Amino acid sequence: MADEALQSIPDVLRSKITDVVTRIDEFPDMEAQRDMELQNPFELLGLYRGVSLDAKNVSDAPQHIDTIYLFRRPLLDYWCETGEDLADLVRHVLIHEIGHHFGFSDDDMARLEQEG
């Protein structure tokens, strides 16, 4: 489902994320839970870890691979609670996290999601 969602995002995004890894994990790890000050791991549906393109410097040595995480259990829980279409939900979270990679604002991400 994540692969299908990735193929459905606007070309302006998809063509520029070739060096970003997408992972599906059950839950956010303890570091993410602590950093995000989560009350429980179901609060986070996705996460971008890396340095956004607007903050990268070509002279900086890469520290880690830019990664987008989708958290399976929180996504499924949210889907069950809201009745939203699961594919649409995965696509929405994926676009949002890709937007963080680009340093986009929430308004930019909403506009891109509507275009696709």
PDB file of N, CA and C in Angstrom:
ATOM      1  N   MET A   1       0.821  -1.181   0.000  1.00  0.00           N
ATOM      2  CA  MET A   1       0.000   0.000   0.000  1.00  0.00           C
ATOM      3  C   MET A   1       0.874   1.258   0.000  1.00  0.00           C
ATOM      4  N   ALA A   2       1.957   1.235   0.759  1.00  0.00           N
ATOM      5  CA  ALA A   2       2.866   2.380   0.787  1.00  0.00           C
ATOM      6  C   ALA A   2       3.510   2.589  -0.585  1.00  0.00           C
ATOM      7  N   ASP A   3       3.874   1.485  -1.248  1.00  0.00           N
ATOM      8  CA  ASP A   3       4.457   1.601  -2.588  1.00  0.00           C
ATOM      9  C   ASP A   3       3.456   2.211  -3.564  1.00  0.00           C
ATOM     10  N   GLU A   4       2.202   1.777  -3.482  1.00  0.00           N
ATOM     11  CA  GLU A   4       1.163   2.346  -4.351  1.00  0.00           C
ATOM     12  C   GLU A   4       0.962   3.824  -4.045  1.00  0.00           C
ATOM     13  N   ALA A   5       0.956   4.187  -2.766  1.00  0.00           N
ATOM     14  CA  ALA A   5       0.798   5.590  -2.380  1.00  0.00           C
ATOM     15  C   ALA A   5       1.962   6.419  -2.918  1.00  0.00           C
ATOM     16  N   LEU A   6       3.157   5.876  -2.839  1.00  0.00           N
ATOM     17  CA  LEU A   6       4.334   6.580  -3.330  1.00  0.00           C
ATOM     18  C   LEU A   6       4.232   6.821  -4.836  1.00  0.00           C
ATOM     19  N   GLN A   7       3.719   5.845  -5.562  1.00  0.00           N
ATOM     20  CA  GLN A   7       3.558   6.007  -7.015  1.00  0.00           C
ATOM     21  C   GLN A   7       2.473   7.021  -7.373  1.00  0.00           C
ATOM     22  N   SER A   8       1.571   7.302  -6.437  1.00  0.00           N
ATOM     23  CA  SER A   8       0.456   8.210  -6.733  1.00  0.00           C
ATOM     24  C   SER A   8       0.722   9.661  -6.347  1.00  0.00           C
ATOM     25  N   ILE A   9       1.871   9.924  -5.715  1.00  0.00           N
ATOM     26  CA  ILE A   9       2.123  11.307  -5.302  1.00  0.00           C
ATOM     27  C   ILE A   9       2.543  12.142  -6.502  1.00  0.00           C
ATOM     28  N   PRO A  10       2.381  13.455  -6.415  1.00  0.00           N
ATOM     29  CA  PRO A  10       2.732  14.321  -7.549  1.00  0.00           C
ATOM     30  C   PRO A  10       4.174  14.116  -8.006  1.00  0.00           C
ATOM     31  N   ASP A  11       4.368  14.145  -9.328  1.00  0.00           N
ATOM     32  CA  ASP A  11       5.684  13.931  -9.918  1.00  0.00           C
ATOM     33  C   ASP A  11       6.729  14.903  -9.380  1.00  0.00           C
ATOM     34  N   VAL A  12       6.308  16.130  -9.063  1.00  0.00           N
ATOM     35  CA  VAL A  12       7.246  17.136  -8.560  1.00  0.00           C
ATOM     36  C   VAL A  12       7.921  16.662  -7.277  1.00  0.00           C
ATOM     37  N   LEU A  13       7.247  15.835  -6.509  1.00  0.00           N
ATOM     38  CA  LEU A  13       7.833  15.263  -5.294  1.00  0.00           C
ATOM     39  C   LEU A  13       8.572  13.964  -5.590  1.00  0.00           C
ATOM     40  N   ARG A  14       7.884  13.056  -6.249  1.00  0.00           N
ATOM     41  CA  ARG A  14       8.421  11.704  -6.450  1.00  0.00           C
ATOM     42  C   ARG A  14       9.759  11.721  -7.191  1.00  0.00           C
ATOM     43  N   SER A  15       9.914  12.622  -8.148  1.00  0.00           N
ATOM     44  CA  SER A  15      11.140  12.642  -8.939  1.00  0.00           C
ATOM     45  C   SER A  15      12.347  13.138  -8.146  1.00  0.00           C
ATOM     46  N   LYS A  16      12.116  13.720  -6.990  1.00  0.00           N
ATOM     47  CA  LYS A  16      13.216  14.307  -6.223  1.00  0.00           C
ATOM     48  C   LYS A  16      13.483  13.614  -4.892  1.00  0.00           C
ATOM     49  N   ILE A  17      12.919  12.437  -4.693  1.00  0.00           N
ATOM     50  CA  ILE A  17      13.148  11.725  -3.427  1.00  0.00           C
ATOM     51  C   ILE A  17      13.829  10.381  -3.647  1.00  0.00           C
ATOM     52  N   THR A  18      14.625  10.312  -4.677  1.00  0.00           N
ATOM     53  CA  THR A  18      15.275   9.040  -5.004  1.00  0.00           C
ATOM     54  C   THR A  18      16.281   8.603  -3.952  1.00  0.00           C
ATOM     55  N   ASP A  19      16.784   9.544  -3.143  1.00  0.00           N
ATOM     56  CA  ASP A  19      17.764   9.182  -2.127  1.00  0.00           C
ATOM     57  C   ASP A  19      17.163   9.147  -0.723  1.00  0.00           C
ATOM     58  N   VAL A  20      15.838   9.040  -0.645  1.00  0.00           N
ATOM     59  CA  VAL A  20      15.135   8.940   0.636  1.00  0.00           C
ATOM     60  C   VAL A  20      14.584   7.525   0.772  1.00  0.00           C
ATOM     61  N   VAL A  21      14.839   6.905   1.907  1.00  0.00           N
ATOM     62  CA  VAL A  21      14.355   5.558   2.186  1.00  0.00           C
ATOM     63  C   VAL A  21      12.981   5.659   2.846  1.00  0.00           C
ATOM     64  N   THR A  22      12.084   4.777   2.460  1.00  0.00           N
ATOM     65  CA  THR A  22      10.774   4.686   3.117  1.00  0.00           C
ATOM     66  C   THR A  22      10.721   3.369   3.872  1.00  0.00           C
ATOM     67  N   ARG A  23      10.378   3.462   5.160  1.00  0.00           N
ATOM     68  CA  ARG A  23      10.305   2.264   6.014  1.00  0.00           C
ATOM     69  C   ARG A  23       8.928   2.169   6.645  1.00  0.00           C
ATOM     70  N   ILE A  24       8.508   0.936   6.856  1.00  0.00           N
ATOM     71  CA  ILE A  24       7.289   0.661   7.600  1.00  0.00           C
ATOM     72  C   ILE A  24       7.720  -0.008   8.896  1.00  0.00           C
ATOM     73  N   ASP A  25       7.417   0.619  10.014  1.00  0.00           N
ATOM     74  CA  ASP A  25       7.696   0.047  11.328  1.00  0.00           C
ATOM     75  C   ASP A  25       6.376  -0.105  12.070  1.00  0.00           C
ATOM     76  N   GLU A  26       6.350  -0.984  13.025  1.00  0.00           N
ATOM     77  CA  GLU A  26       5.131  -1.170  13.816  1.00  0.00           C
ATOM     78  C   GLU A  26       4.781   0.102  14.591  1.00  0.00           C
ATOM     79  N   PHE A  27       5.758   0.661  15.285  1.00  0.00           N
ATOM     80  CA  PHE A  27       5.581   1.846  16.129  1.00  0.00           C
ATOM     81  C   PHE A  27       6.823   2.718  16.033  1.00  0.00           C
ATOM     82  N   PRO A  28       6.710   3.993  16.432  1.00  0.00           N
ATOM     83  CA  PRO A  28       7.920   4.811  16.551  1.00  0.00           C
ATOM     84  C   PRO A  28       8.826   4.241  17.638  1.00  0.00           C
ATOM     85  N   ASP A  29      10.134   4.373  17.434  1.00  0.00           N
ATOM     86  CA  ASP A  29      11.070   3.879  18.436  1.00  0.00           C
ATOM     87  C   ASP A  29      11.053   4.791  19.678  1.00  0.00           C
ATOM     88  N   MET A  30      11.733   4.351  20.713  1.00  0.00           N
ATOM     89  CA  MET A  30      11.728   5.094  21.983  1.00  0.00           C
ATOM     90  C   MET A  30      12.331   6.488  21.821  1.00  0.00           C
ATOM     91  N   GLU A  31      13.341   6.616  20.981  1.00  0.00           N
ATOM     92  CA  GLU A  31      13.952   7.935  20.754  1.00  0.00           C
ATOM     93  C   GLU A  31      12.932   8.905  20.166  1.00  0.00           C
ATOM     94  N   ALA A  32      12.180   8.462  19.157  1.00  0.00           N
ATOM     95  CA  ALA A  32      11.163   9.316  18.548  1.00  0.00           C
ATOM     96  C   ALA A  32      10.064   9.652  19.553  1.00  0.00           C
ATOM     97  N   GLN A  33       9.649   8.667  20.331  1.00  0.00           N
ATOM     98  CA  GLN A  33       8.611   8.914  21.329  1.00  0.00           C
ATOM     99  C   GLN A  33       9.074   9.957  22.342  1.00  0.00           C
ATOM    100  N   ARG A  34      10.318   9.862  22.747  1.00  0.00           N
ATOM    101  CA  ARG A  34      10.879  10.813  23.716  1.00  0.00           C
ATOM    102  C   ARG A  34      11.026  12.198  23.077  1.00  0.00           C
ATOM    103  N   ASP A  35      11.620  12.257  21.876  1.00  0.00           N
ATOM    104  CA  ASP A  35      11.843  13.531  21.194  1.00  0.00           C
ATOM    105  C   ASP A  35      10.540  14.258  20.889  1.00  0.00           C
ATOM    106  N   MET A  36       9.515  13.505  20.532  1.00  0.00           N
ATOM    107  CA  MET A  36       8.219  14.095  20.177  1.00  0.00           C
ATOM    108  C   MET A  36       7.318  14.277  21.399  1.00  0.00           C
ATOM    109  N   GLU A  37       7.820  13.845  22.560  1.00  0.00           N
ATOM    110  CA  GLU A  37       7.071  13.934  23.821  1.00  0.00           C
ATOM    111  C   GLU A  37       5.678  13.309  23.701  1.00  0.00           C
ATOM    112  N   LEU A  38       5.655  12.092  23.138  1.00  0.00           N
ATOM    113  CA  LEU A  38       4.406  11.373  22.942  1.00  0.00           C
ATOM    114  C   LEU A  38       3.928  10.777  24.261  1.00  0.00           C
ATOM    115  N   GLN A  39       2.633  10.808  24.470  1.00  0.00           N
ATOM    116  CA  GLN A  39       2.037  10.138  25.626  1.00  0.00           C
ATOM    117  C   GLN A  39       1.970   8.633  25.384  1.00  0.00           C
ATOM    118  N   ASN A  40       1.743   8.261  24.112  1.00  0.00           N
ATOM    119  CA  ASN A  40       1.763   6.846  23.736  1.00  0.00           C
ATOM    120  C   ASN A  40       2.157   6.743  22.264  1.00  0.00           C
ATOM    121  N   PRO A  41       2.634   5.592  21.831  1.00  0.00           N
ATOM    122  CA  PRO A  41       3.154   5.460  20.471  1.00  0.00           C
ATOM    123  C   PRO A  41       2.091   5.533  19.378  1.00  0.00           C
ATOM    124  N   PHE A  42       0.815   5.478  19.738  1.00  0.00           N
ATOM    125  CA  PHE A  42      -0.248   5.566  18.739  1.00  0.00           C
ATOM    126  C   PHE A  42      -0.470   6.992  18.243  1.00  0.00           C
ATOM    127  N   GLU A  43       0.179   7.958  18.879  1.00  0.00           N
ATOM    128  CA  GLU A  43      -0.007   9.363  18.513  1.00  0.00           C
ATOM    129  C   GLU A  43       0.709   9.756  17.225  1.00  0.00           C
ATOM    130  N   LEU A  44       1.658   8.961  16.762  1.00  0.00           N
ATOM    131  CA  LEU A  44       2.475   9.333  15.613  1.00  0.00           C
ATOM    132  C   LEU A  44       2.249   8.360  14.463  1.00  0.00           C
ATOM    133  N   LEU A  45       1.770   8.881  13.331  1.00  0.00           N
ATOM    134  CA  LEU A  45       1.479   8.052  12.166  1.00  0.00           C
ATOM    135  C   LEU A  45       2.675   7.925  11.231  1.00  0.00           C
ATOM    136  N   GLY A  46       3.505   8.959  11.194  1.00  0.00           N
ATOM    137  CA  GLY A  46       4.664   8.957  10.313  1.00  0.00           C
ATOM    138  C   GLY A  46       5.714   9.915  10.831  1.00  0.00           C
ATOM    139  N   LEU A  47       6.926   9.801  10.276  1.00  0.00           N
ATOM    140  CA  LEU A  47       8.024  10.628  10.746  1.00  0.00           C
ATOM    141  C   LEU A  47       9.070  10.740   9.645  1.00  0.00           C
ATOM    142  N   TYR A  48       9.613  11.940   9.485  1.00  0.00           N
ATOM    143  CA  TYR A  48      10.765  12.147   8.600  1.00  0.00           C
ATOM    144  C   TYR A  48      11.974  12.356   9.485  1.00  0.00           C
ATOM    145  N   ARG A  49      13.017  11.576   9.248  1.00  0.00           N
ATOM    146  CA  ARG A  49      14.297  11.764   9.945  1.00  0.00           C
ATOM    147  C   ARG A  49      15.342  12.082   8.898  1.00  0.00           C
ATOM    148  N   GLY A  50      15.953  13.210   9.058  1.00  0.00           N
ATOM    149  CA  GLY A  50      16.988  13.638   8.138  1.00  0.00           C
ATOM    150  C   GLY A  50      17.136  15.142   8.210  1.00  0.00           C
ATOM    151  N   VAL A  51      17.866  15.672   7.270  1.00  0.00           N
ATOM    152  CA  VAL A  51      18.039  17.118   7.171  1.00  0.00           C
ATOM    153  C   VAL A  51      17.273  17.554   5.936  1.00  0.00           C
ATOM    154  N   SER A  52      16.312  18.456   6.134  1.00  0.00           N
ATOM    155  CA  SER A  52      15.495  18.894   5.001  1.00  0.00           C
ATOM    156  C   SER A  52      16.371  19.583   3.959  1.00  0.00           C
ATOM    157  N   LEU A  53      15.939  19.503   2.717  1.00  0.00           N
ATOM    158  CA  LEU A  53      16.735  20.044   1.619  1.00  0.00           C
ATOM    159  C   LEU A  53      17.006  21.533   1.783  1.00  0.00           C
ATOM    160  N   ASP A  54      16.081  22.262   2.387  1.00  0.00           N
ATOM    161  CA  ASP A  54      16.289  23.693   2.569  1.00  0.00           C
ATOM    162  C   ASP A  54      17.327  23.995   3.649  1.00  0.00           C
ATOM    163  N   ALA A  55      17.717  22.994   4.429  1.00  0.00           N
ATOM    164  CA  ALA A  55      18.711  23.182   5.490  1.00  0.00           C
ATOM    165  C   ALA A  55      20.038  22.490   5.190  1.00  0.00           C
ATOM    166  N   LYS A  56      20.092  21.725   4.095  1.00  0.00           N
ATOM    167  CA  LYS A  56      21.329  21.003   3.765  1.00  0.00           C
ATOM    168  C   LYS A  56      22.350  21.949   3.153  1.00  0.00           C
ATOM    169  N   ASN A  57      23.589  21.636   3.436  1.00  0.00           N
ATOM    170  CA  ASN A  57      24.708  22.375   2.876  1.00  0.00           C
ATOM    171  C   ASN A  57      25.564  21.366   2.127  1.00  0.00           C
ATOM    172  N   VAL A  58      25.962  21.694   0.907  1.00  0.00           N
ATOM    173  CA  VAL A  58      26.724  20.736   0.099  1.00  0.00           C
ATOM    174  C   VAL A  58      28.057  20.377   0.731  1.00  0.00           C
ATOM    175  N   SER A  59      28.577  21.226   1.611  1.00  0.00           N
ATOM    176  CA  SER A  59      29.854  20.923   2.245  1.00  0.00           C
ATOM    177  C   SER A  59      29.705  20.056   3.494  1.00  0.00           C
ATOM    178  N   ASP A  60      28.463  19.843   3.937  1.00  0.00           N
ATOM    179  CA  ASP A  60      28.228  18.982   5.097  1.00  0.00           C
ATOM    180  C   ASP A  60      28.417  17.521   4.721  1.00  0.00           C
ATOM    181  N   ALA A  61      29.069  16.784   5.582  1.00  0.00           N
ATOM    182  CA  ALA A  61      29.181  15.337   5.381  1.00  0.00           C
ATOM    183  C   ALA A  61      27.875  14.700   5.832  1.00  0.00           C
ATOM    184  N   PRO A  62      27.298  13.807   5.021  1.00  0.00           N
ATOM    185  CA  PRO A  62      26.041  13.158   5.424  1.00  0.00           C
ATOM    186  C   PRO A  62      26.229  12.361   6.717  1.00  0.00           C
ATOM    187  N   GLN A  63      25.313  12.530   7.640  1.00  0.00           N
ATOM    188  CA  GLN A  63      25.369  11.819   8.918  1.00  0.00           C
ATOM    189  C   GLN A  63      24.544  10.532   8.880  1.00  0.00           C
ATOM    190  N   HIS A  64      23.368  10.605   8.282  1.00  0.00           N
ATOM    191  CA  HIS A  64      22.455   9.466   8.224  1.00  0.00           C
ATOM    192  C   HIS A  64      21.697   9.523   6.899  1.00  0.00           C
ATOM    193  N   ILE A  65      21.107   8.431   6.546  1.00  0.00           N
ATOM    194  CA  ILE A  65      20.259   8.380   5.360  1.00  0.00           C
ATOM    195  C   ILE A  65      18.926   9.022   5.704  1.00  0.00           C
ATOM    196  N   ASP A  66      18.452   9.929   4.842  1.00  0.00           N
ATOM    197  CA  ASP A  66      17.128  10.518   5.039  1.00  0.00           C
ATOM    198  C   ASP A  66      16.091   9.405   4.931  1.00  0.00           C
ATOM    199  N   THR A  67      15.217   9.323   5.928  1.00  0.00           N
ATOM    200  CA  THR A  67      14.264   8.217   6.006  1.00  0.00           C
ATOM    201  C   THR A  67      12.884   8.733   6.363  1.00  0.00           C
ATOM    202  N   ILE A  68      11.887   8.198   5.679  1.00  0.00           N
ATOM    203  CA  ILE A  68      10.482   8.436   6.019  1.00  0.00           C
ATOM    204  C   ILE A  68       9.954   7.153   6.632  1.00  0.00           C
ATOM    205  N   TYR A  69       9.401   7.284   7.817  1.00  0.00           N
ATOM    206  CA  TYR A  69       8.816   6.151   8.529  1.00  0.00           C
ATOM    207  C   TYR A  69       7.304   6.268   8.475  1.00  0.00           C
ATOM    208  N   LEU A  70       6.648   5.166   8.169  1.00  0.00           N
ATOM    209  CA  LEU A  70       5.201   5.033   8.328  1.00  0.00           C
ATOM    210  C   LEU A  70       4.998   3.999   9.424  1.00  0.00           C
ATOM    211  N   PHE A  71       4.160   4.325  10.393  1.00  0.00           N
ATOM    212  CA  PHE A  71       3.969   3.442  11.542  1.00  0.00           C
ATOM    213  C   PHE A  71       2.656   2.677  11.394  1.00  0.00           C
ATOM    214  N   ARG A  72       2.799   1.390  11.126  1.00  0.00           N
ATOM    215  CA  ARG A  72       1.678   0.522  10.759  1.00  0.00           C
ATOM    216  C   ARG A  72       0.578   0.481  11.804  1.00  0.00           C
ATOM    217  N   ARG A  73       0.907   0.194  13.037  1.00  0.00           N
ATOM    218  CA  ARG A  73      -0.133   0.048  14.063  1.00  0.00           C
ATOM    219  C   ARG A  73      -0.880   1.357  14.326  1.00  0.00           C
ATOM    220  N   PRO A  74      -0.195   2.494  14.474  1.00  0.00           N
ATOM    221  CA  PRO A  74      -0.937   3.743  14.647  1.00  0.00           C
ATOM    222  C   PRO A  74      -1.802   4.087  13.433  1.00  0.00           C
ATOM    223  N   LEU A  75      -1.306   3.800  12.225  1.00  0.00           N
ATOM    224  CA  LEU A  75      -2.124   4.051  11.029  1.00  0.00           C
ATOM    225  C   LEU A  75      -3.375   3.186  11.037  1.00  0.00           C
ATOM    226  N   LEU A  76      -3.211   1.909  11.354  1.00  0.00           N
ATOM    227  CA  LEU A  76      -4.377   1.009  11.385  1.00  0.00           C
ATOM    228  C   LEU A  76      -5.362   1.416  12.484  1.00  0.00           C
ATOM    229  N   ASP A  77      -4.850   1.840  13.622  1.00  0.00           N
ATOM    230  CA  ASP A  77      -5.701   2.282  14.720  1.00  0.00           C
ATOM    231  C   ASP A  77      -6.496   3.521  14.317  1.00  0.00           C
ATOM    232  N   TYR A  78      -5.817   4.479  13.690  1.00  0.00           N
ATOM    233  CA  TYR A  78      -6.477   5.708  13.232  1.00  0.00           C
ATOM    234  C   TYR A  78      -7.544   5.378  12.191  1.00  0.00           C
ATOM    235  N   TRP A  79      -7.208   4.479  11.280  1.00  0.00           N
ATOM    236  CA  TRP A  79      -8.150   4.047  10.247  1.00  0.00           C
ATOM    237  C   TRP A  79      -9.401   3.438  10.881  1.00  0.00           C
ATOM    238  N   CYS A  80      -9.223   2.565  11.872  1.00  0.00           N
ATOM    239  CA  CYS A  80     -10.361   1.930  12.542  1.00  0.00           C
ATOM    240  C   CYS A  80     -11.221   2.954  13.282  1.00  0.00           C
ATOM    241  N   GLU A  81     -10.565   3.927  13.906  1.00  0.00           N
ATOM    242  CA  GLU A  81     -11.292   4.938  14.677  1.00  0.00           C
ATOM    243  C   GLU A  81     -12.061   5.915  13.790  1.00  0.00           C
ATOM    244  N   THR A  82     -11.498   6.265  12.626  1.00  0.00           N
ATOM    245  CA  THR A  82     -12.098   7.322  11.801  1.00  0.00           C
ATOM    246  C   THR A  82     -12.904   6.801  10.622  1.00  0.00           C
ATOM    247  N   GLY A  83     -12.582   5.598  10.158  1.00  0.00           N
ATOM    248  CA  GLY A  83     -13.249   5.077   8.977  1.00  0.00           C
ATOM    249  C   GLY A  83     -12.741   5.696   7.684  1.00  0.00           C
ATOM    250  N   GLU A  84     -11.683   6.501   7.769  1.00  0.00           N
ATOM    251  CA  GLU A  84     -11.079   7.068   6.566  1.00  0.00           C
ATOM    252  C   GLU A  84     -10.591   5.947   5.666  1.00  0.00           C
ATOM    253  N   ASP A  85     -10.544   6.216   4.381  1.00  0.00           N
ATOM    254  CA  ASP A  85      -9.986   5.249   3.455  1.00  0.00           C
ATOM    255  C   ASP A  85      -8.503   5.047   3.800  1.00  0.00           C
ATOM    256  N   LEU A  86      -8.099   3.814   4.021  1.00  0.00           N
ATOM    257  CA  LEU A  86      -6.736   3.533   4.468  1.00  0.00           C
ATOM    258  C   LEU A  86      -5.698   3.957   3.428  1.00  0.00           C
ATOM    259  N   ALA A  87      -5.954   3.726   2.173  1.00  0.00           N
ATOM    260  CA  ALA A  87      -5.006   4.123   1.127  1.00  0.00           C
ATOM    261  C   ALA A  87      -4.842   5.637   1.104  1.00  0.00           C
ATOM    262  N   ASP A  88      -5.939   6.375   1.261  1.00  0.00           N
ATOM    263  CA  ASP A  88      -5.866   7.837   1.299  1.00  0.00           C
ATOM    264  C   ASP A  88      -5.084   8.315   2.517  1.00  0.00           C
ATOM    265  N   LEU A  89      -5.283   7.644   3.643  1.00  0.00           N
ATOM    266  CA  LEU A  89      -4.580   8.005   4.864  1.00  0.00           C
ATOM    267  C   LEU A  89      -3.072   7.793   4.708  1.00  0.00           C
ATOM    268  N   VAL A  90      -2.680   6.641   4.173  1.00  0.00           N
ATOM    269  CA  VAL A  90      -1.260   6.356   3.955  1.00  0.00           C
ATOM    270  C   VAL A  90      -0.663   7.383   3.001  1.00  0.00           C
ATOM    271  N   ARG A  91      -1.371   7.702   1.950  1.00  0.00           N
ATOM    272  CA  ARG A  91      -0.897   8.694   0.974  1.00  0.00           C
ATOM    273  C   ARG A  91      -0.733  10.063   1.632  1.00  0.00           C
ATOM    274  N   HIS A  92      -1.704  10.454   2.438  1.00  0.00           N
ATOM    275  CA  HIS A  92      -1.654  11.746   3.128  1.00  0.00           C
ATOM    276  C   HIS A  92      -0.425  11.833   4.035  1.00  0.00           C
ATOM    277  N   VAL A  93      -0.198  10.814   4.835  1.00  0.00           N
ATOM    278  CA  VAL A  93       0.947  10.807   5.763  1.00  0.00           C
ATOM    279  C   VAL A  93       2.252  10.801   4.970  1.00  0.00           C
ATOM    280  N   LEU A  94       2.311  10.027   3.912  1.00  0.00           N
ATOM    281  CA  LEU A  94       3.513   9.965   3.086  1.00  0.00           C
ATOM    282  C   LEU A  94       3.831  11.339   2.480  1.00  0.00           C
ATOM    283  N   ILE A  95       2.833  12.002   1.920  1.00  0.00           N
ATOM    284  CA  ILE A  95       3.049  13.333   1.342  1.00  0.00           C
ATOM    285  C   ILE A  95       3.499  14.310   2.418  1.00  0.00           C
ATOM    286  N   HIS A  96       2.909  14.232   3.578  1.00  0.00           N
ATOM    287  CA  HIS A  96       3.282  15.124   4.672  1.00  0.00           C
ATOM    288  C   HIS A  96       4.756  14.928   5.054  1.00  0.00           C
ATOM    289  N   GLU A  97       5.181  13.693   5.180  1.00  0.00           N
ATOM    290  CA  GLU A  97       6.567  13.416   5.568  1.00  0.00           C
ATOM    291  C   GLU A  97       7.546  13.776   4.446  1.00  0.00           C
ATOM    292  N   ILE A  98       7.169  13.549   3.210  1.00  0.00           N
ATOM    293  CA  ILE A  98       7.999  13.981   2.083  1.00  0.00           C
ATOM    294  C   ILE A  98       8.125  15.505   2.099  1.00  0.00           C
ATOM    295  N   GLY A  99       7.048  16.167   2.432  1.00  0.00           N
ATOM    296  CA  GLY A  99       7.081  17.627   2.538  1.00  0.00           C
ATOM    297  C   GLY A  99       8.109  18.100   3.547  1.00  0.00           C
ATOM    298  N   HIS A 100       8.240  17.370   4.659  1.00  0.00           N
ATOM    299  CA  HIS A 100       9.262  17.729   5.643  1.00  0.00           C
ATOM    300  C   HIS A 100      10.661  17.608   5.040  1.00  0.00           C
ATOM    301  N   HIS A 101      10.866  16.614   4.181  1.00  0.00           N
ATOM    302  CA  HIS A 101      12.158  16.445   3.504  1.00  0.00           C
ATOM    303  C   HIS A 101      12.495  17.688   2.675  1.00  0.00           C
ATOM    304  N   PHE A 102      11.478  18.277   2.061  1.00  0.00           N
ATOM    305  CA  PHE A 102      11.683  19.458   1.231  1.00  0.00           C
ATOM    306  C   PHE A 102      11.675  20.756   2.035  1.00  0.00           C
ATOM    307  N   GLY A 103      11.247  20.686   3.306  1.00  0.00           N
ATOM    308  CA  GLY A 103      11.136  21.897   4.113  1.00  0.00           C
ATOM    309  C   GLY A 103       9.876  22.686   3.801  1.00  0.00           C
ATOM    310  N   PHE A 104       8.849  22.016   3.257  1.00  0.00           N
ATOM    311  CA  PHE A 104       7.600  22.686   2.887  1.00  0.00           C
ATOM    312  C   PHE A 104       6.774  23.037   4.119  1.00  0.00           C
ATOM    313  N   SER A 105       5.956  24.060   3.983  1.00  0.00           N
ATOM    314  CA  SER A 105       4.996  24.422   5.016  1.00  0.00           C
ATOM    315  C   SER A 105       3.788  23.485   4.924  1.00  0.00           C
ATOM    316  N   ASP A 106       2.956  23.501   5.945  1.00  0.00           N
ATOM    317  CA  ASP A 106       1.736  22.687   5.918  1.00  0.00           C
ATOM    318  C   ASP A 106       0.825  23.110   4.772  1.00  0.00           C
ATOM    319  N   ASP A 107       0.759  24.408   4.474  1.00  0.00           N
ATOM    320  CA  ASP A 107      -0.057  24.886   3.351  1.00  0.00           C
ATOM    321  C   ASP A 107       0.471  24.361   2.025  1.00  0.00           C
ATOM    322  N   ASP A 108       1.799  24.359   1.852  1.00  0.00           N
ATOM    323  CA  ASP A 108       2.406  23.807   0.633  1.00  0.00           C
ATOM    324  C   ASP A 108       2.032  22.347   0.465  1.00  0.00           C
ATOM    325  N   MET A 109       2.106  21.601   1.569  1.00  0.00           N
ATOM    326  CA  MET A 109       1.810  20.160   1.508  1.00  0.00           C
ATOM    327  C   MET A 109       0.339  19.921   1.173  1.00  0.00           C
ATOM    328  N   ALA A 110      -0.554  20.694   1.749  1.00  0.00           N
ATOM    329  CA  ALA A 110      -1.984  20.536   1.461  1.00  0.00           C
ATOM    330  C   ALA A 110      -2.256  20.810  -0.013  1.00  0.00           C
ATOM    331  N   ARG A 111      -1.626  21.834  -0.565  1.00  0.00           N
ATOM    332  CA  ARG A 111      -1.815  22.169  -1.984  1.00  0.00           C
ATOM    333  C   ARG A 111      -1.289  21.045  -2.879  1.00  0.00           C
ATOM    334  N   LEU A 112      -0.119  20.508  -2.561  1.00  0.00           N
ATOM    335  CA  LEU A 112       0.443  19.421  -3.357  1.00  0.00           C
ATOM    336  C   LEU A 112      -0.433  18.180  -3.302  1.00  0.00           C
ATOM    337  N   GLU A 113      -0.971  17.906  -2.127  1.00  0.00           N
ATOM    338  CA  GLU A 113      -1.828  16.729  -1.976  1.00  0.00           C
ATOM    339  C   GLU A 113      -3.091  16.871  -2.815  1.00  0.00           C
ATOM    340  N   GLN A 114      -3.641  18.051  -2.891  1.00  0.00           N
ATOM    341  CA  GLN A 114      -4.844  18.291  -3.704  1.00  0.00           C
ATOM    342  C   GLN A 114      -4.555  18.188  -5.192  1.00  0.00           C
ATOM    343  N   GLU A 115      -3.334  18.559  -5.590  1.00  0.00           N
ATOM    344  CA  GLU A 115      -2.959  18.511  -7.015  1.00  0.00           C
ATOM    345  C   GLU A 115      -2.836  17.076  -7.517  1.00  0.00           C
ATOM    346  N   GLY A 116      -2.450  16.154  -6.604  1.00  0.00           N
ATOM    347  CA  GLY A 116      -2.194  14.777  -7.028  1.00  0.00           C
ATOM    348  C   GLY A 116      -3.426  13.994  -6.969  1.00  0.00           C
TER     349      GLY A 116
END
